[in-house]
Protein backbone atom coordinates (compact mmCIF):
# COMPACT_ATOMS: atom_id res chain seq x y z
CA MET A 1 0.00 0.00 0.00
CA LEU A 2 2.74 2.42 1.03
CA GLU A 3 4.90 1.48 -1.94
CA SER A 4 2.00 1.99 -4.31
CA ARG A 5 1.19 5.35 -2.76
CA PHE A 6 4.64 6.83 -3.18
CA SER A 7 6.09 4.98 -6.18
CA VAL A 8 5.03 7.65 -8.69
CA ARG A 9 6.54 10.43 -6.56
CA LEU A 10 9.76 8.56 -6.07
CA LEU A 11 10.00 7.76 -9.77
CA ASP A 12 9.74 11.47 -10.41
CA PHE A 13 12.41 12.26 -7.82
CA SER A 14 14.69 9.59 -9.25
CA ASP A 15 14.51 11.40 -12.59
CA GLN A 16 16.16 14.35 -10.88
CA MET A 17 19.01 12.18 -9.63
CA VAL A 18 20.16 11.11 -13.08
CA ASN A 19 21.74 14.53 -13.63
CA LEU A 20 24.13 13.95 -10.74
CA LYS A 21 27.45 12.24 -11.31
CA SER A 22 27.27 8.62 -10.21
CA SER A 23 29.74 8.97 -7.34
CA TYR A 24 27.82 11.94 -5.97
CA THR A 25 24.55 10.07 -6.38
CA SER A 26 25.97 7.26 -4.25
CA ILE A 27 26.91 9.73 -1.52
CA LEU A 28 23.47 11.31 -1.73
CA LEU A 29 21.67 7.98 -1.39
CA LYS A 30 23.76 7.06 1.62
CA ALA A 31 22.81 10.37 3.21
CA ILE A 32 19.14 9.64 2.53
CA LEU A 33 19.14 6.05 3.70
CA CYS A 34 21.20 6.68 6.84
CA ARG A 35 18.84 9.21 8.39
CA SER A 36 19.94 10.99 11.51
CA LYS A 37 17.74 10.75 14.60
CA THR A 38 18.22 14.46 15.15
CA LYS A 39 16.43 17.22 13.26
CA GLU A 40 19.68 18.61 11.92
CA LYS A 41 20.23 18.48 8.15
CA LYS A 42 22.74 16.01 6.86
CA ASP A 43 26.12 17.52 6.25
CA ILE A 44 27.07 16.87 2.64
CA SER A 45 30.18 19.04 2.70
CA TYR A 46 32.39 15.98 3.09
CA ALA A 47 32.26 15.37 -0.66
CA PRO A 48 35.55 17.11 -1.49
CA THR A 49 34.82 18.14 -5.08
CA TRP A 50 31.16 19.20 -4.98
CA SER A 51 30.56 21.91 -7.57
CA LEU A 52 28.09 24.65 -6.77
CA GLU A 53 25.63 23.34 -9.40
CA ILE A 54 25.79 19.77 -8.05
CA THR A 55 25.34 21.01 -4.49
CA ARG A 56 22.20 22.89 -5.53
CA ASN A 57 20.90 19.82 -7.35
CA VAL A 58 21.44 17.67 -4.27
CA GLN A 59 19.75 20.21 -2.04
CA ARG A 60 16.77 20.33 -4.40
CA VAL A 61 16.42 16.55 -4.42
CA LEU A 62 16.73 16.38 -0.64
CA TYR A 63 14.07 19.05 -0.30
CA ASN A 64 11.67 17.14 -2.55
CA LEU A 65 12.29 13.85 -0.75
CA ARG A 66 11.93 15.22 2.78
CA ALA A 67 8.23 14.49 3.18
CA PHE A 68 8.63 11.05 1.63
CA ILE A 69 11.45 10.09 3.98
CA ARG A 70 9.42 11.07 7.04
CA LEU A 71 6.61 8.69 6.08
CA THR A 72 8.44 5.62 4.90
CA SER A 73 11.52 3.54 5.65
CA PRO A 74 14.93 3.07 4.06
CA THR A 75 13.99 -0.52 3.17
CA ILE A 76 11.02 0.53 1.08
CA ILE A 77 13.05 3.26 -0.62
CA THR A 78 15.75 0.74 -1.49
CA ASN A 79 13.20 -1.73 -2.85
CA LEU A 80 11.53 0.91 -4.96
CA MET A 81 14.78 2.17 -6.41
CA SER A 82 15.85 -1.34 -7.37
CA ASP A 83 12.51 -2.00 -9.08
CA SER A 84 12.45 -2.34 -12.87
CA ASN A 85 10.25 0.76 -13.06
CA PHE A 86 13.38 2.84 -12.58
CA SER A 87 14.50 2.25 -16.15
CA GLY A 88 15.68 5.06 -18.38
CA GLN A 89 12.55 4.62 -20.45
CA ASN A 90 10.27 5.25 -17.49
CA ARG A 91 12.32 8.23 -16.37
CA SER A 92 11.97 9.69 -19.84
CA ARG A 93 8.23 9.00 -19.83
CA ILE A 94 7.79 10.70 -16.46
CA ARG A 95 9.86 13.69 -17.55
CA GLU A 96 7.81 14.14 -20.71
CA ALA A 97 4.53 13.79 -18.79
CA ASN A 98 5.54 16.36 -16.18
CA GLU A 99 6.90 18.81 -18.73
CA GLN A 100 3.65 18.60 -20.69
CA ARG A 101 1.71 18.96 -17.46
CA ILE A 102 3.53 22.22 -16.76
CA LEU A 103 3.06 23.55 -20.31
CA THR A 104 -0.65 22.71 -20.31
CA ALA A 105 -1.11 24.54 -17.01
CA ALA A 106 0.91 27.51 -18.26
CA LEU A 107 -1.13 28.08 -21.42
CA PRO A 108 -4.21 29.78 -19.86
CA LEU A 109 -2.05 31.70 -17.37
CA PHE A 110 0.17 33.28 -20.02
CA ALA A 111 -2.91 33.97 -22.14
CA GLN A 112 -4.67 35.77 -19.29
CA TYR A 113 -1.82 37.54 -17.50
CA GLY A 114 0.95 37.66 -20.10
CA PHE A 115 4.56 36.71 -19.51
CA ARG A 116 5.28 39.48 -17.02
CA GLY A 117 2.03 39.11 -15.11
CA THR A 118 2.32 35.35 -14.60
CA THR A 119 4.28 34.29 -11.52
CA VAL A 120 6.30 31.15 -10.86
CA ASP A 121 4.05 30.41 -7.88
CA GLN A 122 0.97 30.53 -10.12
CA LEU A 123 2.59 28.14 -12.59
CA ALA A 124 3.57 25.67 -9.88
CA GLN A 125 0.12 25.75 -8.28
CA ALA A 126 -1.66 25.29 -11.62
CA SER A 127 0.59 22.37 -12.58
CA GLY A 128 0.09 20.63 -9.23
CA LEU A 129 3.84 20.40 -8.65
CA SER A 130 5.98 21.92 -5.95
CA LYS A 131 7.83 25.04 -6.98
CA ALA A 132 11.19 23.28 -6.57
CA ASN A 133 10.06 20.31 -8.62
CA MET A 134 8.72 22.49 -11.43
CA LEU A 135 11.97 24.46 -11.54
CA TYR A 136 13.84 21.19 -11.97
CA TYR A 137 12.14 20.68 -15.32
CA PHE A 138 12.27 24.35 -16.35
CA ARG A 139 14.84 26.45 -14.53
CA ARG A 140 13.21 29.81 -15.30
CA LYS A 141 9.76 31.17 -16.08
CA GLN A 142 11.19 32.29 -19.42
CA ASP A 143 12.04 28.68 -20.25
CA ILE A 144 8.41 27.65 -19.69
CA TYR A 145 7.18 30.56 -21.79
CA LEU A 146 9.57 29.70 -24.63
CA ALA A 147 8.54 26.04 -24.54
CA VAL A 148 4.86 27.06 -24.76
CA LEU A 149 5.59 29.24 -27.78
CA GLU A 150 7.63 26.51 -29.46
CA GLN A 151 4.77 24.05 -28.97
CA ILE A 152 2.28 26.52 -30.43
CA LEU A 153 4.44 27.11 -33.49
CA HIS A 154 4.97 23.39 -34.01
CA VAL A 155 1.20 22.82 -34.10
CA TRP A 156 0.71 25.73 -36.50
CA LEU A 157 3.63 25.15 -38.84
CA GLU A 158 3.47 21.38 -39.24
CA PRO A 159 0.38 21.65 -41.51
CA LEU A 160 2.05 24.46 -43.48
CA SER A 161 5.03 22.21 -44.13
CA GLU A 162 2.68 19.77 -45.87
CA LEU A 163 2.13 22.12 -48.81
CA LYS A 164 3.81 20.38 -51.76
CA ALA A 165 4.26 21.67 -55.30
CA GLU A 166 3.13 18.35 -56.77
CA GLY A 167 -0.10 18.36 -54.76
CA ASP A 168 -3.49 19.83 -55.66
CA PRO A 169 -3.53 23.56 -54.72
CA GLY A 170 -7.21 23.71 -53.79
CA GLU A 171 -7.11 20.58 -51.66
CA GLN A 172 -3.90 21.48 -49.84
CA LEU A 173 -4.86 25.09 -49.13
CA SER A 174 -8.31 23.93 -47.96
CA ASN A 175 -6.74 21.44 -45.55
CA TYR A 176 -4.37 24.08 -44.20
CA LEU A 177 -7.19 26.58 -43.75
CA ASP A 178 -9.34 23.98 -41.94
CA LEU A 179 -6.50 23.18 -39.54
CA LYS A 180 -5.97 26.87 -38.76
CA ILE A 181 -9.69 27.33 -38.11
CA ARG A 182 -9.72 24.29 -35.84
CA ALA A 183 -6.70 25.59 -33.91
CA SER A 184 -8.48 28.89 -33.21
CA GLN A 185 -11.62 27.04 -32.16
CA GLU A 186 -9.97 24.46 -29.91
CA SER A 187 -7.05 26.44 -28.49
CA PRO A 188 -7.74 30.18 -28.51
CA ASN A 189 -5.26 30.71 -25.67
CA ALA A 190 -2.40 29.64 -27.93
CA SER A 191 -3.22 32.37 -30.44
CA LYS A 192 -3.57 34.97 -27.68
CA ILE A 193 -0.11 34.16 -26.29
CA TYR A 194 1.48 34.35 -29.74
CA ALA A 195 -0.31 37.63 -30.54
CA SER A 196 0.86 39.14 -27.24
CA GLU A 197 4.44 38.14 -27.98
CA ILE A 198 4.32 39.73 -31.44
CA LEU A 199 2.57 42.90 -30.21
CA ASN A 200 5.38 43.35 -27.68
CA GLY A 201 8.02 43.22 -30.38
CA ALA A 202 8.77 39.47 -30.21
CA PRO A 203 11.45 39.75 -27.47
CA ILE A 204 11.60 35.96 -27.05
CA LEU A 205 10.74 34.82 -30.59
CA ARG A 206 12.64 37.34 -32.71
CA GLU A 207 15.46 34.93 -33.60
CA TYR A 208 12.95 32.21 -34.41
CA LEU A 209 10.99 34.57 -36.69
CA GLN A 210 14.17 35.60 -38.48
CA GLY A 211 15.35 32.00 -38.83
CA PRO A 212 13.12 28.91 -38.99
CA LEU A 213 9.81 30.75 -39.55
CA LYS A 214 11.16 32.93 -42.36
CA GLU A 215 12.74 29.86 -43.95
CA ILE A 216 9.56 27.78 -44.07
CA VAL A 217 7.44 30.75 -45.20
CA THR A 218 9.89 31.46 -48.03
CA GLN A 219 9.74 27.81 -49.10
CA LYS A 220 5.94 27.67 -49.10
CA CYS A 221 5.63 30.99 -50.93
CA ALA A 222 7.77 29.42 -53.64
CA VAL A 223 5.35 26.47 -53.79
CA ILE A 224 2.35 28.80 -54.16
CA GLN A 225 4.17 30.81 -56.83
CA GLU A 226 4.86 27.59 -58.74
CA TRP A 227 1.13 26.79 -58.72
CA ILE A 228 0.47 30.28 -60.09
CA ASP A 229 3.13 29.97 -62.79
CA GLU A 230 1.62 26.64 -63.88
CA GLY A 231 -1.86 28.17 -64.12
CA ARG A 232 -3.23 26.05 -61.27
CA LEU A 233 -3.92 29.09 -59.10
CA ARG A 234 -4.95 32.63 -59.99
CA PRO A 235 -2.26 35.30 -59.64
CA ILE A 236 -1.86 36.49 -56.05
CA ALA A 237 1.02 37.53 -53.79
CA PRO A 238 1.85 34.26 -51.96
CA LEU A 239 3.06 35.96 -48.77
CA HIS A 240 -0.11 38.01 -48.45
CA LEU A 241 -2.24 34.95 -49.03
CA LEU A 242 -0.57 33.33 -46.01
CA PHE A 243 -1.02 36.55 -44.00
CA ALA A 244 -4.70 36.55 -44.92
CA ILE A 245 -5.16 32.95 -43.78
CA TRP A 246 -3.36 33.64 -40.50
CA SER A 247 -5.18 36.88 -39.71
CA THR A 248 -8.70 35.73 -40.57
CA THR A 249 -8.46 32.44 -38.69
CA GLN A 250 -6.69 33.81 -35.62
CA HIS A 251 -9.20 36.65 -35.38
CA TYR A 252 -11.70 34.18 -33.91
CA ALA A 253 -9.26 33.38 -31.10
CA ASP A 254 -7.68 36.76 -30.41
CA PHE A 255 -11.00 38.62 -30.51
CA LYS A 256 -13.12 35.80 -29.11
CA THR A 257 -14.94 38.06 -26.63
CA GLN A 258 -16.01 40.44 -29.39
CA VAL A 259 -16.93 37.58 -31.72
CA ASP A 260 -19.08 35.90 -29.06
CA ILE A 261 -20.90 39.14 -28.18
CA LEU A 262 -21.66 40.05 -31.79
CA SER A 263 -22.68 36.54 -32.87
CA ASP A 264 -26.29 35.39 -32.57
CA ASP A 265 -25.19 31.82 -31.92
CA PRO A 266 -21.53 31.71 -30.82
CA ASP A 267 -21.71 28.01 -29.98
CA ASN A 268 -22.43 27.15 -33.62
CA LEU A 269 -20.22 29.77 -35.21
CA PHE A 270 -17.51 27.77 -36.93
CA PRO A 271 -19.45 25.99 -39.70
CA ASP A 272 -20.23 29.45 -41.12
CA VAL A 273 -16.65 30.55 -40.50
CA ARG A 274 -15.39 27.66 -42.58
CA LYS A 275 -17.79 28.31 -45.48
CA THR A 276 -17.04 32.03 -45.56
CA LEU A 277 -13.25 31.74 -45.41
CA HIS A 278 -13.16 28.97 -47.99
CA LEU A 279 -15.16 31.15 -50.36
CA LEU A 280 -12.98 34.21 -49.79
CA LEU A 281 -9.53 32.61 -49.63
CA ILE A 282 -9.67 29.38 -51.61
CA ASP A 283 -12.58 29.11 -54.05
CA ASN A 284 -11.95 32.47 -55.68
CA LEU A 285 -8.31 31.54 -56.35
CA LEU A 286 -9.07 28.40 -58.33
CA PRO A 287 -9.13 28.87 -62.12
């Protein structure tokens, strides 16, 4: 019962230990398993070559394990840590799950309060992790914010990367437009965070905009221009076609409050959105 209750927590804590050098990990585990009967903290200064970073890592792990140690025994800890669940694969799975847990919790907070208005304490509370544990996965608030933005851009740009010169222009542009509409419908907070970043001059994303984003946009503009040159699409400026798709679809996320107020039936809005945008942006471009 006790092992079952704490195994998930200990698996998570063990993930933190893998960043420590093996010899230091051994010293740390001895300090944990040989608990003092006094309330004084274990002295770990006897490790002659502790670096400052390793010392901080050890202190963080000890802090996270304190409550666990008070409630269980060294025998159970030893048994758990020798269990097959402590494989590298499981550690990786737990890390990915916790990182995604943090990013999911951060999305509505950054959308509502912005980067500056969101606090580390808010992020930790929303993710259900201790502040120390959350900062193990992401050392700074800025790292969480950047990871959220990267995830947003991955979702948005993956469909754009599917535009191929050999494909059917109408079908491919329709699929891309549908995915952008769905993104605004299902995850309006993502669009709000991105819009806020751009409106503030892209302090975090500027290098990404100048590099990977500009590269993929240039490539896909060339694909659209090839369709035009082959007579498969009516003449239009490819870059402004992409801008039009982005702005019209993201409007329904960024200005959701206005859209909902002005719409007679906001819950059934998107079928009409799809028909209208397809007519404006796709159908009229097909020869």
